[in-house]
Every structure is written in C-alpha cells, then in structure tokens.
Protein backbone atom coordinates (compact mmCIF):
# COMPACT_ATOMS: atom_id res chain seq x y z
CA UNK A 1 -22.39 -26.97 -17.18
CA UNK A 2 -25.84 -28.02 -18.38
CA UNK A 3 -26.18 -31.04 -20.67
CA UNK A 4 -27.55 -30.50 -24.15
CA UNK A 5 -31.22 -31.56 -24.11
CA UNK A 6 -31.94 -34.54 -26.29
CA UNK A 7 -35.56 -33.55 -26.77
CA UNK A 8 -34.99 -30.30 -28.65
CA UNK A 9 -32.66 -28.39 -30.97
CA UNK A 10 -31.22 -24.94 -30.41
CA UNK A 11 -33.24 -21.90 -31.37
CA UNK A 12 -32.03 -19.50 -34.03
CA UNK A 13 -29.36 -17.03 -32.90
CA UNK A 14 -31.50 -13.87 -33.27
CA UNK A 15 -33.99 -15.19 -30.74
CA UNK A 16 -31.23 -16.23 -28.36
CA UNK A 17 -29.71 -12.77 -28.53
CA UNK A 18 -33.06 -11.05 -28.08
CA UNK A 19 -33.65 -13.03 -24.92
CA UNK A 20 -30.48 -11.44 -23.53
CA UNK A 21 -29.23 -14.24 -21.26
CA UNK A 22 -26.46 -16.83 -21.42
CA UNK A 23 -29.05 -19.58 -21.12
CA UNK A 24 -31.28 -18.10 -23.83
CA UNK A 25 -30.38 -20.88 -26.25
CA UNK A 26 -32.04 -23.28 -23.83
CA UNK A 27 -35.49 -21.82 -24.47
CA UNK A 28 -37.73 -24.38 -26.12
CA UNK A 29 -40.69 -22.14 -26.83
CA UNK A 30 -41.79 -18.52 -26.71
CA UNK A 31 -45.41 -17.59 -27.32
CA UNK A 32 -47.69 -14.66 -26.56
CA UNK A 33 -51.39 -14.84 -25.76
CA UNK A 34 -54.13 -13.19 -23.71
CA UNK A 35 -56.24 -13.94 -20.67
CA UNK A 36 -57.66 -10.43 -20.33
CA UNK A 37 -58.44 -7.45 -22.53
CA UNK A 38 -56.15 -7.72 -25.58
CA UNK A 39 -56.21 -3.95 -26.04
CA UNK A 40 -54.49 -3.33 -22.68
CA UNK A 41 -52.78 -6.62 -21.70
CA UNK A 42 -50.36 -9.22 -23.03
CA UNK A 43 -49.26 -12.58 -21.62
CA UNK A 44 -45.65 -13.55 -22.41
CA UNK A 45 -44.84 -17.26 -22.01
CA UNK A 46 -41.51 -19.01 -22.37
CA UNK A 47 -40.72 -22.69 -21.91
CA UNK A 48 -37.49 -24.55 -21.25
CA UNK A 49 -36.24 -27.60 -19.38
CA UNK A 50 -34.55 -25.96 -16.40
CA UNK A 51 -36.15 -24.99 -13.08
CA UNK A 52 -33.40 -22.44 -12.33
CA UNK A 53 -33.57 -20.41 -15.57
CA UNK A 54 -34.40 -16.73 -15.43
CA UNK A 55 -37.90 -15.78 -14.37
CA UNK A 56 -37.40 -12.09 -15.25
CA UNK A 57 -39.04 -10.31 -18.17
CA UNK A 58 -37.80 -6.83 -19.06
CA UNK A 59 -40.10 -4.64 -21.12
CA UNK A 60 -40.85 -1.08 -22.18
CA UNK A 61 -43.02 0.94 -24.52
CA UNK A 62 -41.12 1.18 -27.79
CA UNK A 63 -39.07 4.37 -27.76
CA UNK A 64 -39.09 4.72 -23.96
CA UNK A 65 -35.75 5.24 -22.22
CA UNK A 66 -36.36 3.07 -19.16
CA UNK A 67 -36.90 -0.68 -18.99
CA UNK A 68 -39.22 -2.28 -16.44
CA UNK A 69 -38.99 -5.72 -14.84
CA UNK A 70 -41.69 -8.31 -14.21
CA UNK A 71 -41.34 -11.69 -12.48
CA UNK A 72 -42.86 -14.75 -14.11
CA UNK A 73 -45.07 -17.37 -12.50
CA UNK A 74 -43.35 -20.73 -13.01
CA UNK A 75 -45.11 -24.08 -13.45
CA UNK A 76 -44.05 -27.54 -14.55
CA UNK A 77 -45.84 -28.88 -17.63
CA UNK A 78 -46.39 -32.40 -16.39
CA UNK A 79 -45.76 -35.21 -17.16
CA UNK A 80 -42.54 -33.71 -18.59
CA UNK A 81 -39.92 -31.54 -16.92
CA UNK A 82 -40.79 -28.60 -19.22
CA UNK A 83 -40.91 -25.36 -17.25
CA UNK A 84 -43.45 -22.71 -18.29
CA UNK A 85 -42.93 -19.14 -17.20
CA UNK A 86 -45.81 -16.74 -17.58
CA UNK A 87 -45.94 -12.95 -17.21
CA UNK A 88 -49.14 -10.99 -17.68
CA UNK A 89 -48.55 -7.33 -18.47
CA UNK A 90 -51.51 -5.03 -17.77
CA UNK A 91 -52.30 -1.33 -18.04
CA UNK A 92 -50.87 -1.12 -21.56
CA UNK A 93 -51.93 1.36 -24.23
CA UNK A 94 -54.22 0.14 -27.04
CA UNK A 95 -52.68 -0.38 -30.47
CA UNK A 96 -49.18 0.27 -29.15
CA UNK A 97 -45.84 -1.46 -29.65
CA UNK A 98 -43.79 -2.72 -26.72
CA UNK A 99 -40.32 -4.26 -26.61
CA UNK A 100 -39.29 -7.13 -24.35
CA UNK A 101 -36.47 -9.53 -23.53
CA UNK A 102 -35.98 -12.43 -21.13
CA UNK A 103 -33.40 -12.32 -18.36
CA UNK A 104 -31.85 -8.89 -18.75
CA UNK A 105 -31.89 -5.71 -20.79
CA UNK A 106 -30.40 -6.42 -24.23
CA UNK A 107 -27.21 -4.63 -25.15
CA UNK A 108 -27.08 -1.96 -27.84
CA UNK A 109 -26.11 -4.50 -30.50
CA UNK A 110 -29.19 -6.62 -29.89
CA UNK A 111 -32.63 -5.70 -31.17
CA UNK A 112 -35.28 -6.85 -28.67
CA UNK A 113 -38.45 -8.61 -29.69
CA UNK A 114 -41.71 -6.67 -29.76
CA UNK A 115 -45.46 -7.08 -29.51
CA UNK A 116 -48.46 -4.90 -30.33
CA UNK A 117 -51.68 -4.59 -28.39
CA UNK A 118 -54.96 -4.63 -30.28
CA UNK A 119 -56.80 -1.41 -31.13
CA UNK A 120 -59.65 -0.16 -28.95
CA UNK A 121 -61.82 0.13 -32.06
CA UNK A 122 -61.37 -0.18 -35.81
CA UNK A 123 -61.61 3.51 -36.68
CA UNK A 124 -57.85 3.92 -37.12
CA UNK A 125 -57.08 0.63 -38.87
CA UNK A 126 -58.53 -2.73 -39.79
CA UNK A 127 -57.76 -5.82 -37.74
CA UNK A 128 -56.45 -9.04 -39.28
CA UNK A 129 -56.36 -12.52 -37.82
CA UNK A 130 -55.52 -15.96 -39.19
CA UNK A 131 -57.41 -19.17 -38.45
CA UNK A 132 -56.31 -22.75 -38.98
CA UNK A 133 -56.50 -26.11 -37.31
CA UNK A 134 -54.90 -29.57 -37.33
CA UNK A 135 -51.50 -28.00 -37.49
CA UNK A 136 -48.60 -30.46 -37.46
CA UNK A 137 -48.43 -33.76 -39.25
CA UNK A 138 -44.74 -33.00 -39.73
CA UNK A 139 -42.66 -30.12 -38.45
CA UNK A 140 -41.78 -29.11 -41.99
CA UNK A 141 -45.44 -28.74 -42.98
CA UNK A 142 -46.22 -26.79 -39.83
CA UNK A 143 -43.29 -24.40 -40.21
CA UNK A 144 -44.10 -23.75 -43.87
CA UNK A 145 -47.69 -22.78 -43.09
CA UNK A 146 -46.62 -20.71 -40.08
CA UNK A 147 -44.29 -18.73 -42.31
CA UNK A 148 -47.14 -18.23 -44.74
CA UNK A 149 -49.28 -16.97 -41.86
CA UNK A 150 -46.64 -14.67 -40.37
CA UNK A 151 -45.98 -13.12 -43.80
CA UNK A 152 -49.58 -11.85 -43.73
CA UNK A 153 -48.68 -9.80 -40.61
CA UNK A 154 -51.80 -10.78 -38.65
CA UNK A 155 -52.67 -9.22 -35.31
CA UNK A 156 -52.96 -12.78 -33.98
CA UNK A 157 -53.49 -16.42 -34.96
CA UNK A 158 -56.25 -18.67 -33.62
CA UNK A 159 -55.82 -22.43 -33.93
CA UNK A 160 -58.86 -24.71 -33.64
CA UNK A 161 -57.24 -27.72 -31.99
CA UNK A 162 -55.07 -30.72 -32.89
CA UNK A 163 -51.86 -28.78 -32.42
CA UNK A 164 -48.88 -31.09 -31.90
CA UNK A 165 -50.74 -34.42 -32.24
CA UNK A 166 -49.18 -35.52 -28.98
CA UNK A 167 -52.35 -37.31 -27.77
CA UNK A 168 -51.72 -36.07 -24.26
CA UNK A 169 -48.62 -38.28 -24.09
CA UNK A 170 -45.88 -37.53 -26.65
CA UNK A 171 -43.79 -34.78 -25.11
CA UNK A 172 -41.28 -34.74 -27.96
CA UNK A 173 -44.01 -33.58 -30.35
CA UNK A 174 -44.90 -30.75 -27.96
CA UNK A 175 -41.25 -29.67 -27.95
CA UNK A 176 -41.15 -29.79 -31.76
CA UNK A 177 -44.35 -27.74 -31.99
CA UNK A 178 -43.12 -25.09 -29.56
CA UNK A 179 -39.77 -24.78 -31.30
CA UNK A 180 -41.40 -24.55 -34.72
CA UNK A 181 -43.86 -21.88 -33.60
CA UNK A 182 -41.08 -19.88 -31.94
CA UNK A 183 -38.94 -19.96 -35.10
CA UNK A 184 -41.73 -18.84 -37.39
CA UNK A 185 -43.93 -16.45 -35.41
CA UNK A 186 -41.64 -13.39 -35.48
CA UNK A 187 -42.49 -10.89 -38.22
CA UNK A 188 -39.89 -8.82 -40.09
CA UNK A 189 -40.36 -5.89 -37.71
CA UNK A 190 -39.45 -8.12 -34.70
CA UNK A 191 -43.09 -8.36 -33.65
CA UNK A 192 -44.09 -11.72 -32.16
CA UNK A 193 -47.55 -12.73 -33.42
CA UNK A 194 -49.81 -13.75 -30.49
CA UNK A 195 -51.51 -17.12 -30.42
CA UNK A 196 -54.89 -18.41 -29.23
CA UNK A 197 -55.68 -22.13 -29.13
CA UNK A 198 -58.87 -24.17 -28.80
CA UNK A 199 -58.69 -27.83 -27.79
CA UNK A 200 -58.93 -30.79 -30.18
CA UNK A 201 -59.12 -34.55 -29.84
CA UNK A 202 -55.37 -35.02 -30.36
CA UNK A 203 -54.69 -32.97 -27.23
CA UNK A 204 -56.42 -35.72 -25.22
CA UNK A 205 -55.60 -39.29 -24.25
CA UNK A 206 -58.30 -41.44 -25.79
CA UNK A 207 -59.48 -38.77 -28.26
CA UNK A 208 -63.29 -38.34 -28.38
CA UNK A 209 -64.12 -39.69 -24.96
CA UNK A 210 -65.29 -36.60 -23.09
CA UNK A 211 -62.33 -37.05 -20.73
CA UNK A 212 -61.15 -34.87 -17.85
CA UNK A 213 -58.63 -32.01 -18.05
CA UNK A 214 -56.00 -34.33 -16.56
CA UNK A 215 -56.15 -36.30 -19.82
CA UNK A 216 -55.04 -33.22 -21.80
CA UNK A 217 -52.01 -32.21 -19.71
CA UNK A 218 -50.13 -30.29 -22.39
CA UNK A 219 -53.10 -28.25 -23.54
CA UNK A 220 -54.05 -27.34 -19.97
CA UNK A 221 -50.42 -26.80 -19.03
CA UNK A 222 -49.66 -24.47 -21.93
CA UNK A 223 -52.80 -23.00 -23.50
CA UNK A 224 -55.86 -23.17 -21.25
CA UNK A 225 -56.96 -19.82 -19.84
CA UNK A 226 -56.03 -18.57 -16.42
CA UNK A 227 -59.31 -19.95 -15.09
CA UNK A 228 -58.19 -23.46 -16.09
CA UNK A 229 -61.07 -24.35 -18.42
CA UNK A 230 -61.09 -25.30 -22.10
CA UNK A 231 -63.78 -22.87 -23.23
CA UNK A 232 -63.49 -19.11 -23.12
CA UNK A 233 -64.08 -15.78 -24.82
CA UNK A 234 -61.60 -13.27 -26.20
CA UNK A 235 -63.31 -9.86 -26.27
CA UNK A 236 -61.62 -7.12 -28.29
CA UNK A 237 -63.34 -3.88 -27.40
CA UNK A 238 -66.89 -3.89 -28.73
CA UNK A 239 -65.90 -4.98 -32.23
CA UNK A 240 -64.81 -8.64 -31.93
CA UNK A 241 -65.53 -11.66 -29.74
CA UNK A 242 -63.97 -15.07 -30.36
CA UNK A 243 -65.80 -17.86 -28.53
CA UNK A 244 -63.53 -20.89 -27.99
CA UNK A 245 -65.44 -24.14 -27.44
CA UNK A 246 -64.57 -27.70 -26.43
CA UNK A 247 -66.25 -30.15 -28.83
CA UNK A 248 -66.46 -33.04 -26.35
CA UNK A 249 -62.75 -33.49 -25.69
CA UNK A 250 -62.62 -32.62 -22.00
CA UNK A 251 -66.06 -31.01 -21.65
CA UNK A 252 -69.36 -32.37 -23.02
CA UNK A 253 -71.02 -30.41 -25.82
CA UNK A 254 -74.36 -30.43 -24.01
CA UNK A 255 -75.25 -29.39 -20.48
CA UNK A 256 -73.13 -26.82 -18.68
CA UNK A 257 -71.11 -25.81 -21.75
CA UNK A 258 -74.21 -25.25 -23.88
CA UNK A 259 -75.74 -23.19 -21.08
CA UNK A 260 -72.53 -21.17 -20.80
CA UNK A 261 -72.52 -20.64 -24.57
CA UNK A 262 -76.06 -19.26 -24.49
CA UNK A 263 -75.12 -16.75 -21.80
CA UNK A 264 -71.99 -15.72 -23.70
CA UNK A 265 -73.82 -15.16 -26.98
CA UNK A 266 -76.68 -13.32 -25.32
CA UNK A 267 -74.26 -10.93 -23.63
CA UNK A 268 -72.60 -10.08 -26.96
CA UNK A 269 -75.60 -9.13 -29.05
CA UNK A 270 -74.07 -5.72 -29.86
CA UNK A 271 -70.59 -6.92 -30.83
CA UNK A 272 -69.73 -6.19 -34.48
CA UNK A 273 -67.99 -9.51 -35.18
CA UNK A 274 -68.75 -12.77 -33.37
CA UNK A 275 -66.90 -15.98 -34.33
CA UNK A 276 -67.25 -19.35 -32.56
CA UNK A 277 -64.09 -21.47 -32.91
CA UNK A 278 -64.10 -25.20 -32.16
CA UNK A 279 -62.59 -28.43 -33.37
CA UNK A 280 -65.10 -31.03 -34.55
CA UNK A 281 -67.43 -29.74 -37.30
CA UNK A 282 -71.20 -29.69 -37.34
CA UNK A 283 -71.08 -29.58 -41.14
CA UNK A 284 -68.04 -31.67 -42.08
CA UNK A 285 -66.41 -33.02 -45.21
CA UNK A 286 -65.31 -36.52 -44.19
CA UNK A 287 -65.47 -39.06 -41.31
CA UNK A 288 -68.84 -40.35 -42.50
CA UNK A 289 -70.26 -43.34 -40.62
CA UNK A 290 -70.92 -46.48 -42.64
CA UNK A 291 -73.81 -45.94 -45.05
CA UNK A 292 -74.08 -42.31 -43.96
CA UNK A 293 -72.67 -38.81 -44.46
CA UNK A 294 -70.47 -36.62 -42.25
CA UNK A 295 -73.69 -35.15 -40.88
CA UNK A 296 -74.62 -38.53 -39.40
CA UNK A 297 -71.64 -38.68 -37.05
CA UNK A 298 -72.91 -38.60 -33.43
CA UNK A 299 -70.72 -35.65 -32.43
CA UNK A 300 -71.80 -33.62 -35.47
CA UNK A 301 -75.42 -34.28 -34.51
CA UNK A 302 -74.76 -33.21 -30.91
CA UNK A 303 -73.21 -29.91 -32.02
CA UNK A 304 -76.13 -29.23 -34.38
CA UNK A 305 -78.56 -30.01 -31.59
CA UNK A 306 -76.96 -28.04 -28.74
CA UNK A 307 -74.84 -25.27 -30.32
CA UNK A 308 -76.12 -24.49 -33.81
CA UNK A 309 -79.59 -23.35 -32.63
CA UNK A 310 -77.81 -20.91 -30.30
CA UNK A 311 -75.68 -19.60 -33.17
CA UNK A 312 -78.85 -19.10 -35.20
CA UNK A 313 -80.87 -17.56 -32.38
CA UNK A 314 -78.25 -15.04 -31.36
CA UNK A 315 -76.60 -14.38 -34.72
CA UNK A 316 -72.91 -14.92 -35.52
CA UNK A 317 -70.55 -13.68 -38.21
CA UNK A 318 -69.33 -17.17 -39.14
CA UNK A 319 -68.11 -20.32 -37.37
CA UNK A 320 -64.63 -21.81 -37.75
CA UNK A 321 -64.65 -25.65 -37.70
CA UNK A 322 -61.74 -28.09 -38.03
CA UNK A 323 -60.75 -31.77 -37.59
CA UNK A 324 -61.60 -33.16 -41.06
CA UNK A 325 -58.32 -32.21 -42.79
CA UNK A 326 -59.86 -30.48 -45.83
CA UNK A 327 -60.90 -27.07 -47.05
CA UNK A 328 -64.59 -26.20 -46.88
CA UNK A 329 -67.00 -23.32 -47.09
CA UNK A 330 -70.62 -24.17 -46.55
CA UNK A 331 -73.66 -22.61 -48.09
CA UNK A 332 -75.49 -20.38 -45.66
CA UNK A 333 -77.51 -22.74 -43.48
CA UNK A 334 -80.53 -22.14 -41.26
CA UNK A 335 -82.58 -24.76 -39.37
CA UNK A 336 -80.86 -27.59 -41.20
CA UNK A 337 -81.51 -26.22 -44.68
CA UNK A 338 -79.79 -23.99 -47.17
CA UNK A 339 -80.90 -20.38 -46.73
CA UNK A 340 -78.81 -17.97 -48.81
CA UNK A 341 -80.26 -14.84 -47.20
CA UNK A 342 -80.52 -15.60 -43.48
CA UNK A 343 -78.34 -18.66 -43.01
CA UNK A 344 -75.02 -19.00 -41.22
CA UNK A 345 -71.63 -19.67 -42.74
CA UNK A 346 -69.30 -22.47 -41.54
CA UNK A 347 -65.65 -22.38 -42.59
CA UNK A 348 -63.01 -25.07 -42.20
CA UNK A 349 -62.14 -27.87 -42.17
CA UNK A 350 -58.77 -28.09 -40.40
CA UNK A 351 -55.94 -28.60 -42.90
CA UNK A 352 -53.25 -26.17 -41.75
CA UNK A 353 -50.31 -28.58 -41.55
CA UNK A 354 -51.67 -32.07 -42.14
CA UNK A 355 -52.23 -34.28 -45.17
CA UNK A 356 -55.68 -33.54 -46.66
CA UNK A 357 -58.32 -36.22 -47.02
CA UNK A 358 -60.99 -36.86 -49.66
CA UNK A 359 -63.96 -34.50 -49.98
CA UNK A 360 -67.45 -35.50 -51.13
CA UNK A 361 -68.05 -35.50 -54.87
CA UNK A 362 -69.29 -32.14 -56.13
CA UNK A 363 -73.04 -31.85 -55.72
CA UNK A 364 -73.32 -34.82 -53.36
CA UNK A 365 -73.28 -32.80 -50.13
CA UNK A 366 -75.98 -30.13 -50.18
CA UNK A 367 -74.41 -28.15 -47.32
CA UNK A 368 -71.05 -27.58 -49.06
CA UNK A 369 -70.62 -24.58 -51.34
CA UNK A 370 -66.98 -25.48 -51.95
CA UNK A 371 -64.70 -28.24 -50.69
CA UNK A 372 -61.18 -29.32 -51.64
CA UNK A 373 -58.47 -31.61 -50.31
CA UNK A 374 -56.11 -28.65 -49.84
CA UNK A 375 -53.88 -27.25 -47.12
CA UNK A 376 -54.89 -23.72 -46.21
CA UNK A 377 -55.47 -21.00 -43.67
CA UNK A 378 -58.28 -18.47 -43.38
CA UNK A 379 -57.25 -14.80 -43.26
CA UNK A 380 -59.90 -12.44 -41.88
CA UNK A 381 -59.80 -8.65 -42.30
CA UNK A 382 -62.30 -6.78 -40.11
CA UNK A 383 -63.29 -3.18 -40.88
CA UNK A 384 -64.88 -0.38 -38.87
CA UNK A 385 -68.09 -0.40 -40.92
CA UNK A 386 -68.84 -3.95 -39.78
CA UNK A 387 -67.86 -5.58 -43.06
CA UNK A 388 -65.11 -8.17 -43.38
CA UNK A 389 -63.15 -10.04 -46.02
CA UNK A 390 -62.24 -13.69 -45.43
CA UNK A 391 -59.72 -15.31 -47.76
CA UNK A 392 -58.62 -18.92 -48.01
CA UNK A 393 -54.88 -19.09 -48.76
CA UNK A 394 -53.03 -22.30 -49.57
CA UNK A 395 -49.49 -23.43 -48.84
CA UNK A 396 -48.20 -21.73 -52.01
CA UNK A 397 -49.75 -18.41 -51.06
CA UNK A 398 -52.60 -18.61 -53.58
CA UNK A 399 -55.93 -17.06 -52.59
CA UNK A 400 -58.29 -19.74 -53.87
CA UNK A 401 -61.54 -18.79 -52.16
CA UNK A 402 -63.00 -15.69 -50.52
CA UNK A 403 -66.18 -14.49 -48.90
CA UNK A 404 -67.43 -11.05 -47.86
CA UNK A 405 -69.34 -10.48 -44.65
CA UNK A 406 -71.84 -7.66 -44.78
CA UNK A 407 -72.75 -5.27 -41.99
CA UNK A 408 -74.40 -5.82 -39.62
CA UNK A 409 -73.51 -9.43 -38.85
CA UNK A 410 -76.11 -12.14 -39.30
CA UNK A 411 -79.10 -11.06 -37.27
CA UNK A 412 -80.70 -13.28 -34.66
CA UNK A 413 -83.52 -15.47 -35.93
CA UNK A 414 -86.12 -17.64 -34.27
CA UNK A 415 -87.46 -17.40 -30.71
C-alpha cells in the first residue's frame, strides 16, 4: 500500500471520481494546454508522485457512444520525483466539447471531466480569455483569484510568469500551485479551463540573471512548449495570436529572441488580434532604481530598445506586462511619448495572487493612465468584427477599469 505523500493533500472527491482509478486521489495536478492548433488539438497533463500510476487517458466527443484510449508520455519533473504524464489529442473538431478521464472509463454514476476546443473563427461566438501574473503569494490568495477567473467561463487563462514562487528550487510550492489550480479550474459544466504560462524571474534560480533552462527546472518540466524553449506563439485560426516572451530569465531580451520576435510579428500582419505576453514590464509601476523611475531599470530599457520598436513597427492589439505587483493601464505610447491616436497600450502589472505594492503618485508618471495597488485579472472578449472589450476585475469581482479595442488593431507605424 502506498504511503500518504507528505508534500501534498488529497484532491476533492469529484476530481478523484472523474479520473476513474483507485489511485486517482494520488494526482497532484491536472492541467490542459496546447502545443499545436488550439482549434483541433488539446494537451492533457496530469502529475503525481508515482512512476507506476496509470498512463492511459480515455476520451470521446461528448455524446459519442464509444470511448477511445491514448497513452501518455511520462517524464520526471526533476529535481523532484513528480511524474508528469502528457497526452496530445489531435484531429479534433473546432469549438467542440470532449469528455475525458484518467485510467479507465468512468462508471455511469461518475460524470467525466470535459474540455472545449477553440472556434475556427469568431463568426459563431466571441472568445474570452483571462490574463494575470504573479499568481501565488499564498495558496488562499491564488485559489480565490482562480475561482474568480473560472467563474467568468473563459476559453483559457494565460499567466505572465511568477507562478508558484518556487525560485527553481522549492518543490513544495509547485505541488501547492498544481493542487490549487486543479481544484479551481473546473467550471460548473465540468469543463477544465486550459492554461498557458510565460516564464518569470521566480521560476529561475538567481532571478534576473539570464540563466539557462536548467535553472528553471519546474517551468521547463511542466509548462515549456514541446520544442523545449521559453518563447512561443499560440495561433488561434486567423483571429488571435498570443506571443509568449522570456524577459531575460533564461533567454536574453536582445539577439536571437528579438530576431525571432521580428519574424513572428511580420508573419502575423493579417491576424485580427495580436497580444505579446511577458513578465518584466517596459512601462512599469514600481522597482525604480535610486533617484530614478521604473523606466530607468536596465531591463525595462532593454525591452523598450529591442521589443517595443517591433511592437510599434508591426502593430499589436495590446501588450500584457507583469512583475510589479500592481494594476496599471498605460496611455497609448509611441516612440517613447504619449500618442493617444497611434500609440500602443500596455496592461498589467502582475497582481493576480500577490500583495500589491505602491504605485507612483497620480500625475507623476506620464506613461500611466491609471494605476492602483490592487489585485486583479484582465478579462478579454474578442469579437468577429475585430473589436474587443478588456475589463480589469478585482478579487471581489468588481470591474474597476475597462478599455475598448477598435478594429482593425493598431496599424504598423514607422519604417
């Protein structure tokens, strides 16, 4: 008989039953994500402590009579004994619901979990996603905000780094984070909300040191794409591209990553909605050097030098920034100045589940249209006509800021 793991608590009974296996209570984390086309694929991941647990996923289109089986690829999330099992399902129908369970087909008394692929386009319905960053100072704060997010019924959530604050070392915090996400990411209709994660400094030993992937073992073991790099693009049909960037945590801002970013943006000139997502902000609210402002921080300068001109040249919908533990919405900015007509919008500043910091006094930071020391998430609703509504929602559920994006998205400027 297996010993009770010291590093984690049992999951809620409904999840254990849905997993359909005697060892289901041993699952530490369950999360869904994508490596390929999110309209026709889904990646199902589950994590536990035991090398001999089930590696079988059963799944079917909702309403179908027959279940299908898929075998997971198993890896160890070093330096712990956590076992990740990963199944990528392909050839799915767009905007369709599927049911799944781990281990075996659930009995008639057990309702399986479900997921939904993204639509091929936005003609039938709008798409909603949630953004946040800096997610877990305490498990209680993280779970509360996750429940707030799941209640919005988003198509997916994208986190901009600083997930478990494990610093590449503290495995117990990773376990807490996985358990908390698993408990809170299932909507009322049994649908598991998928998750996309960028990398932050607290995923890395040594923080802002431009270190190697080996110094962010949990991020690369759990959330990096199938190609094993920290930057990537999620393309949803021709209507949405999310560009995930590494703000000098395991990959330098300049050089190869900036060159890659230019190619990515150039190739997506016709996409309706284009959102870069990264951790450290170019236009922050705190972390000012002595006798300076947040704009004087070396990393902020590097991002404004190597990435921001590319955003401006190719045109983006808005950029999601994090790390500074506040709420912020910038004025529209172009070439280092406020430009209300042609400028770009930067939203942040990473206060999903952490204690907020102090923001600059009103009027003292020309780049900030609004800033508060307030926990929040951003909820984005994208429509077929190319317009979008973005709402800032706090821990109590109050919508305290909003912005409308017009169609078409910000047009390219400059050479």
